[in-house]
Amino acid sequence: MPRGSGIVGWGGYVPRYRIKAAEIVRVWGWEPSVPAGLGVKEKAVENVDEDSVTMGYEAARNAIARANVDPREIKAVFFGTESKPYAVKPSATIIAEALGITPETMASDLEFACRAASEGLRASLALVEAGYMKYALVVASDTAQANPGDVLEFTAASGAAAFVVGPASESVAVLEGVYTYVTDTPDFWRGQHSRYPMHGEAFTGEPAYFHHIESAVKGLMEKLGLKPEDFDYAVFHQPNGKFPLRVGARLGFPKEKILPGLLTPIIGNTYNASALLGFARILDQAKPGQRILVAPFGSGAGSDAYSFIVTDRIEEARNRAPKVDDYVNWKRYIDYAMHARMRKLYDRRPV
């Protein structure tokens, strides 16, 4: 049975600039089979004047427009990222101030690798159901972080997603259930003073990504008495273009239910926005009565599995803001030199 909370409004944002995997191959001498094996052709990268906060603001503005609520009624803002612009200064307060939500609100930056925003989503749904507030805002946003020349550079991309969480009676997608599975698995990390993340190679697939997502999804389906055929769409965390299809197949989901939310092959892995941006894309096209599985994952490691049921309210809300594909299709290609300049990948200090 549906619970007392859900998604009232949703929004996404993808920066305009793109760099092709073939260009990274050319610069660093990788074999073309490497990005092909990852299922990635190109990725989105932020401009020189963009960061996780500015992208998160754009996505949040779209979510509030679809929710059609007064920002002053939003009493919590959770910002999930692993590329915040300040080591010590909250990003959530910047977004809250820019949107007119402050000062009577909670505002927190969350951390759990790519699952940080999903933590915020779980907390927001619980706060609404408990009656502590009517609306909360969840923002997922990350910039393209990868050590130049590392294999991660093929997939590390930029993008944002945001959701206004509120009562089920006003929701476009009502929460049916959620299940979380976490362990201490060191598959991906970044030290305190490290500029770029490190990864445990083989450990990033097993026992991290696949084990945690499968455990969370199986736990959710057992809890709700559901099977893969009961879902119309399935959205998994997207570190590359192959893992979501593989984990879906292992769980019994046909690729036809996964492909509508699979964005990594065309814009790259947007980290915290990965699964949630895919969820936003599904909401751009879902019909009332359809059931959506959303399973974000964060290295370290943990996964949440959500089941949402779309309501009649989605048709009215859909056209109040740009769709995810509007941003996906609005693009301009750049070469690696421009990418390095925009991302400040070089050191300009005098020798």
Protein backbone atom coordinates (compact mmCIF):
# COMPACT_ATOMS: atom_id res chain seq x y z
CA MET A 1 0.00 0.00 0.00
CA PRO A 2 1.25 3.54 -0.76
CA ARG A 3 2.59 5.47 2.22
CA GLY A 4 2.06 9.07 3.24
CA SER A 5 4.83 10.77 1.24
CA GLY A 6 6.18 11.06 -2.27
CA ILE A 7 7.64 13.23 -4.99
CA VAL A 8 5.71 16.49 -5.46
CA GLY A 9 8.08 18.01 -8.04
CA TRP A 10 11.20 16.92 -9.91
CA GLY A 11 13.87 18.56 -12.05
CA GLY A 12 17.16 17.91 -13.78
CA TYR A 13 20.04 19.84 -15.24
CA VAL A 14 22.86 18.80 -17.61
CA PRO A 15 25.52 21.34 -18.66
CA ARG A 16 25.79 22.11 -22.35
CA TYR A 17 29.38 21.12 -23.05
CA ARG A 18 30.35 17.59 -24.16
CA ILE A 19 33.62 15.81 -24.76
CA LYS A 20 33.72 12.63 -26.82
CA ALA A 21 35.36 9.46 -25.53
CA ALA A 22 37.30 9.33 -28.80
CA GLU A 23 38.94 12.65 -27.89
CA ILE A 24 40.12 11.24 -24.55
CA VAL A 25 41.43 8.18 -26.39
CA ARG A 26 43.36 10.47 -28.75
CA VAL A 27 44.99 12.50 -25.98
CA TRP A 28 45.95 9.70 -23.59
CA GLY A 29 46.54 6.85 -26.04
CA TRP A 30 43.91 4.47 -24.71
CA GLU A 31 42.62 1.69 -26.93
CA PRO A 32 39.19 2.56 -28.41
CA SER A 33 37.94 -0.70 -26.93
CA VAL A 34 38.17 0.80 -23.42
CA PRO A 35 35.31 3.34 -23.65
CA ALA A 36 33.40 0.87 -25.85
CA GLY A 37 33.71 -1.69 -23.07
CA LEU A 38 32.33 0.87 -20.62
CA GLY A 39 29.39 1.61 -22.89
CA VAL A 40 30.21 5.34 -23.06
CA LYS A 41 30.43 7.52 -26.17
CA GLU A 42 30.60 11.03 -24.69
CA LYS A 43 30.04 12.90 -21.45
CA ALA A 44 28.77 16.23 -20.15
CA VAL A 45 31.22 18.61 -18.45
CA GLU A 46 30.55 21.85 -16.63
CA ASN A 47 31.62 25.26 -17.92
CA VAL A 48 34.24 27.35 -16.16
CA ASP A 49 31.52 29.26 -14.27
CA GLU A 50 29.60 26.16 -13.16
CA ASP A 51 29.99 23.90 -10.15
CA SER A 52 27.86 21.48 -8.15
CA VAL A 53 26.02 24.34 -6.46
CA THR A 54 25.05 26.22 -9.63
CA MET A 55 23.93 23.01 -11.32
CA GLY A 56 22.03 21.95 -8.22
CA TYR A 57 20.28 25.31 -8.14
CA GLU A 58 19.08 24.89 -11.74
CA ALA A 59 17.70 21.41 -11.04
CA ALA A 60 16.06 22.58 -7.81
CA ARG A 61 14.42 25.53 -9.53
CA ASN A 62 12.86 23.12 -12.04
CA ALA A 63 11.67 20.84 -9.22
CA ILE A 64 10.01 23.70 -7.36
CA ALA A 65 8.35 24.92 -10.56
CA ARG A 66 6.83 21.47 -11.11
CA ALA A 67 5.80 21.20 -7.46
CA ASN A 68 4.13 24.63 -7.73
CA VAL A 69 4.78 25.39 -4.06
CA ASP A 70 5.93 28.50 -2.22
CA PRO A 71 9.67 27.99 -1.49
CA ARG A 72 9.10 29.37 2.00
CA GLU A 73 7.05 26.26 2.79
CA ILE A 74 10.10 24.03 2.24
CA LYS A 75 11.51 23.31 5.68
CA ALA A 76 14.54 21.16 4.83
CA VAL A 77 17.20 21.27 2.11
CA PHE A 78 19.52 18.28 1.73
CA PHE A 79 22.44 18.57 -0.69
CA GLY A 80 24.23 15.40 -1.76
CA THR A 81 27.56 15.66 -3.59
CA GLU A 82 31.15 14.49 -3.57
CA SER A 83 32.40 17.61 -5.38
CA LYS A 84 31.32 20.49 -3.16
CA PRO A 85 33.06 23.80 -3.92
CA TYR A 86 34.00 24.49 -0.28
CA ALA A 87 35.72 22.12 2.12
CA VAL A 88 34.19 24.02 5.04
CA LYS A 89 31.02 25.91 4.16
CA PRO A 90 27.63 24.35 3.48
CA SER A 91 26.40 24.30 -0.09
CA ALA A 92 22.80 23.64 0.98
CA THR A 93 22.57 27.15 2.46
CA ILE A 94 23.66 28.74 -0.83
CA ILE A 95 20.94 26.93 -2.76
CA ALA A 96 18.35 27.59 -0.07
CA GLU A 97 19.15 31.30 -0.03
CA ALA A 98 19.09 31.59 -3.82
CA LEU A 99 15.68 29.91 -3.98
CA GLY A 100 14.10 32.01 -1.23
CA ILE A 101 13.80 29.13 1.23
CA THR A 102 15.79 30.62 4.13
CA PRO A 103 15.85 31.35 7.01
CA GLU A 104 13.28 29.06 8.63
CA THR A 105 14.60 25.75 7.32
CA MET A 106 17.03 22.91 7.96
CA ALA A 107 20.00 22.85 5.58
CA SER A 108 22.53 20.04 5.44
CA ASP A 109 25.30 18.80 3.15
CA LEU A 110 25.42 15.00 3.11
CA GLU A 111 28.22 12.57 2.26
CA PHE A 112 28.13 8.93 1.18
CA ALA A 113 29.91 8.98 -2.19
CA CYS A 114 27.23 8.70 -4.92
CA ARG A 115 24.52 7.80 -2.39
CA ALA A 116 24.60 11.06 -0.40
CA ALA A 117 21.52 12.56 -2.08
CA SER A 118 19.67 9.27 -1.68
CA GLU A 119 20.29 9.60 2.06
CA GLY A 120 18.63 13.00 1.81
CA LEU A 121 15.70 11.50 -0.06
CA ARG A 122 15.18 8.84 2.62
CA ALA A 123 15.39 11.45 5.37
CA SER A 124 12.98 13.79 3.57
CA LEU A 125 10.38 11.10 3.02
CA ALA A 126 10.60 10.12 6.69
CA LEU A 127 10.35 13.73 7.92
CA VAL A 128 7.24 14.33 5.83
CA GLU A 129 5.61 11.07 6.92
CA ALA A 130 6.40 11.83 10.57
CA GLY A 131 4.65 15.19 10.25
CA TYR A 132 7.67 17.36 11.02
CA MET A 133 7.24 19.32 7.79
CA LYS A 134 5.09 19.47 4.69
CA TYR A 135 7.84 19.86 2.08
CA ALA A 136 11.56 19.11 1.83
CA LEU A 137 14.03 19.62 -1.02
CA VAL A 138 16.64 17.06 -2.07
CA VAL A 139 19.43 18.10 -4.45
CA ALA A 140 21.92 15.72 -6.10
CA SER A 141 24.78 17.35 -8.00
CA ASP A 142 28.33 16.53 -9.03
CA THR A 143 31.05 17.76 -11.38
CA ALA A 144 33.32 15.62 -13.56
CA GLN A 145 36.00 14.35 -11.18
CA ALA A 146 38.72 12.05 -12.47
CA ASN A 147 42.50 12.04 -12.46
CA PRO A 148 43.60 13.08 -15.99
CA GLY A 149 44.46 9.96 -17.95
CA ASP A 150 42.68 7.62 -15.53
CA VAL A 151 40.03 5.27 -16.91
CA LEU A 152 37.47 7.17 -14.81
CA GLU A 153 37.92 10.13 -17.13
CA PHE A 154 35.81 8.36 -19.77
CA THR A 155 32.78 8.30 -17.48
CA ALA A 156 33.14 11.06 -14.86
CA ALA A 157 30.59 13.70 -15.87
CA SER A 158 28.56 16.65 -14.61
CA GLY A 159 24.86 16.99 -13.88
CA ALA A 160 22.19 17.52 -11.23
CA ALA A 161 18.76 16.31 -10.16
CA ALA A 162 16.37 17.63 -7.53
CA PHE A 163 13.10 16.60 -5.90
CA VAL A 164 10.52 18.33 -3.76
CA VAL A 165 9.22 15.76 -1.30
CA GLY A 166 5.78 16.24 0.21
CA PRO A 167 2.51 14.58 1.23
CA ALA A 168 1.14 11.70 -0.82
CA SER A 169 -2.03 13.66 -1.55
CA GLU A 170 0.01 16.17 -3.60
CA SER A 171 2.56 13.77 -5.08
CA VAL A 172 3.20 12.88 -8.71
CA ALA A 173 4.81 9.64 -7.49
CA VAL A 174 3.88 8.14 -4.11
CA LEU A 175 6.38 6.15 -2.09
CA GLU A 176 5.34 2.51 -1.77
CA GLY A 177 8.39 1.28 0.11
CA VAL A 178 12.14 1.60 0.63
CA TYR A 179 14.91 -0.77 1.71
CA THR A 180 18.56 0.05 2.50
CA TYR A 181 21.61 -2.22 2.53
CA VAL A 182 25.06 -0.94 3.67
CA THR A 183 28.45 -2.42 4.58
CA ASP A 184 32.02 -1.21 4.98
CA THR A 185 33.42 -1.99 1.50
CA PRO A 186 36.43 0.11 0.38
CA ASP A 187 35.86 0.07 -3.38
CA PHE A 188 36.24 3.80 -4.10
CA TRP A 189 37.64 6.62 -1.96
CA ARG A 190 39.42 9.96 -1.84
CA GLY A 191 41.79 10.98 0.91
CA GLN A 192 41.43 14.25 2.79
CA HIS A 193 43.98 16.15 0.70
CA SER A 194 43.63 14.21 -2.57
CA ARG A 195 42.35 16.14 -5.56
CA TYR A 196 40.98 13.09 -7.36
CA PRO A 197 39.28 9.88 -6.22
CA MET A 198 40.87 6.44 -6.26
CA HIS A 199 39.18 3.15 -7.05
CA GLY A 200 39.72 -0.49 -6.16
CA GLU A 201 39.52 -1.77 -9.74
CA ALA A 202 37.87 -5.22 -9.51
CA PHE A 203 36.26 -4.38 -6.16
CA THR A 204 34.09 -1.68 -7.71
CA GLY A 205 31.91 -4.33 -9.36
CA GLU A 206 32.09 -7.20 -6.89
CA PRO A 207 31.60 -7.11 -3.96
CA ALA A 208 30.51 -3.47 -4.10
CA TYR A 209 28.09 -2.39 -6.84
CA PHE A 210 26.36 -5.66 -7.67
CA HIS A 211 26.15 -7.11 -4.17
CA HIS A 212 24.70 -3.98 -2.59
CA ILE A 213 22.17 -3.12 -5.29
CA GLU A 214 21.01 -6.72 -5.59
CA SER A 215 20.64 -7.01 -1.81
CA ALA A 216 18.68 -3.77 -1.55
CA VAL A 217 16.35 -4.57 -4.46
CA LYS A 218 15.73 -8.13 -3.30
CA GLY A 219 15.04 -6.84 0.21
CA LEU A 220 12.54 -4.30 -1.13
CA MET A 221 10.71 -6.81 -3.31
CA GLU A 222 10.50 -9.33 -0.47
CA LYS A 223 9.24 -6.62 1.87
CA LEU A 224 6.51 -5.50 -0.56
CA GLY A 225 5.74 -8.88 -2.08
CA LEU A 226 6.69 -7.68 -5.57
CA LYS A 227 8.49 -9.20 -8.54
CA PRO A 228 10.40 -7.60 -11.45
CA GLU A 229 7.34 -7.94 -13.69
CA ASP A 230 5.40 -5.71 -11.28
CA PHE A 231 7.59 -2.73 -12.20
CA ASP A 232 7.23 -0.68 -15.37
CA TYR A 233 10.66 0.99 -15.05
CA ALA A 234 13.89 0.22 -13.21
CA VAL A 235 16.62 2.80 -12.61
CA PHE A 236 19.96 1.74 -11.15
CA HIS A 237 23.12 3.68 -10.32
CA GLN A 238 25.04 4.23 -13.56
CA PRO A 239 28.84 4.26 -13.12
CA ASN A 240 29.06 3.17 -16.75
CA GLY A 241 26.72 2.03 -19.49
CA LYS A 242 27.08 -1.72 -18.83
CA PHE A 243 26.64 -2.23 -15.06
CA PRO A 244 22.95 -1.15 -14.88
CA LEU A 245 21.97 -3.58 -17.64
CA ARG A 246 23.97 -6.37 -16.04
CA VAL A 247 22.58 -5.89 -12.52
CA GLY A 248 19.09 -5.59 -13.98
CA ALA A 249 19.48 -8.88 -15.82
CA ARG A 250 20.75 -10.58 -12.67
CA LEU A 251 17.66 -9.35 -10.83
CA GLY A 252 15.29 -10.36 -13.62
CA PHE A 253 14.59 -6.96 -15.20
CA PRO A 254 14.56 -6.84 -19.03
CA LYS A 255 16.60 -4.08 -20.64
CA GLU A 256 13.40 -2.48 -22.01
CA LYS A 257 12.55 -1.40 -18.45
CA ILE A 258 16.07 -0.05 -17.82
CA LEU A 259 16.96 1.79 -21.03
CA PRO A 260 14.48 4.73 -20.60
CA GLY A 261 16.37 5.85 -17.49
CA LEU A 262 19.89 4.94 -18.66
CA LEU A 263 21.78 8.19 -19.29
CA THR A 264 25.45 7.29 -18.80
CA PRO A 265 26.08 6.22 -22.44
CA ILE A 266 25.13 9.73 -23.62
CA ILE A 267 26.12 12.08 -20.77
CA GLY A 268 28.43 10.01 -18.55
CA ASN A 269 28.27 9.14 -14.85
CA THR A 270 26.94 12.14 -12.93
CA TYR A 271 27.74 10.51 -9.57
CA ASN A 272 25.10 11.65 -7.03
CA ALA A 273 22.78 12.61 -9.88
CA SER A 274 23.31 9.32 -11.72
CA ALA A 275 20.30 7.21 -10.69
CA LEU A 276 18.28 10.23 -9.58
CA LEU A 277 18.69 12.02 -12.91
CA GLY A 278 17.57 8.79 -14.56
CA PHE A 279 14.56 8.81 -12.21
CA ALA A 280 13.79 12.38 -13.26
CA ARG A 281 13.94 11.33 -16.90
CA ILE A 282 11.46 8.52 -16.20
CA LEU A 283 9.08 10.98 -14.51
CA ASP A 284 9.27 13.07 -17.67
CA GLN A 285 7.50 10.24 -19.51
CA ALA A 286 5.77 7.97 -16.96
CA LYS A 287 2.01 7.48 -16.93
CA PRO A 288 -0.38 7.34 -13.97
CA GLY A 289 -0.48 3.95 -12.29
CA GLN A 290 2.99 2.88 -13.36
CA ARG A 291 5.45 1.57 -10.76
CA ILE A 292 9.09 2.74 -10.76
CA LEU A 293 12.06 1.06 -9.07
CA VAL A 294 14.93 3.41 -8.18
CA ALA A 295 18.16 1.97 -6.75
CA PRO A 296 21.02 4.45 -6.13
CA PHE A 297 24.40 3.18 -4.94
CA GLY A 298 27.29 4.78 -3.11
CA SER A 299 30.80 3.43 -2.76
CA GLY A 300 31.93 2.62 0.71
CA ALA A 301 29.30 1.05 0.30
CA GLY A 302 25.51 1.09 0.29
CA SER A 303 22.36 1.06 -1.79
CA ASP A 304 18.75 2.18 -1.33
CA ALA A 305 15.88 0.62 -3.27
CA TYR A 306 12.66 2.63 -3.64
CA SER A 307 9.30 1.77 -5.15
CA PHE A 308 7.17 4.69 -6.37
CA ILE A 309 3.70 4.62 -7.93
CA VAL A 310 2.89 7.40 -10.40
CA THR A 311 -0.32 9.39 -9.82
CA ASP A 312 -2.69 11.41 -12.01
CA ARG A 313 -1.02 14.63 -10.89
CA ILE A 314 2.02 13.96 -13.07
CA GLU A 315 0.36 15.08 -16.32
CA GLU A 316 -0.30 18.59 -15.03
CA ALA A 317 3.15 19.01 -13.47
CA ARG A 318 5.20 17.69 -16.39
CA ASN A 319 5.18 20.80 -18.59
CA ARG A 320 6.04 23.33 -15.90
CA ALA A 321 9.82 22.96 -16.44
CA PRO A 322 12.32 21.71 -19.05
CA LYS A 323 12.66 17.94 -19.35
CA VAL A 324 15.94 16.11 -18.83
CA ASP A 325 16.16 15.37 -22.55
CA ASP A 326 15.87 19.09 -23.33
CA TYR A 327 19.25 19.49 -21.59
CA VAL A 328 20.66 16.26 -23.02
CA ASN A 329 19.95 17.41 -26.58
CA TRP A 330 21.18 20.99 -26.01
CA LYS A 331 24.89 20.39 -26.42
CA ARG A 332 28.15 21.71 -27.81
CA TYR A 333 31.29 19.65 -28.32
CA ILE A 334 34.70 20.78 -27.09
CA ASP A 335 38.20 19.33 -27.43
CA TYR A 336 40.40 18.14 -24.57
CA ALA A 337 42.38 21.40 -24.41
CA MET A 338 39.20 23.38 -23.77
CA HIS A 339 38.06 20.75 -21.28
CA ALA A 340 41.38 21.06 -19.40
CA ARG A 341 41.02 24.84 -19.32
CA MET A 342 37.41 24.76 -18.10
CA ARG A 343 38.17 22.10 -15.48
CA LYS A 344 41.46 23.78 -14.45
CA LEU A 345 43.36 20.52 -14.92
CA TYR A 346 46.68 22.31 -15.28
CA ASP A 347 48.83 24.09 -12.68
CA ARG A 348 49.36 27.79 -13.51
CA ARG A 349 51.81 28.48 -10.70
CA PRO A 350 55.24 29.74 -11.85
CA VAL A 351 58.07 27.23 -11.85
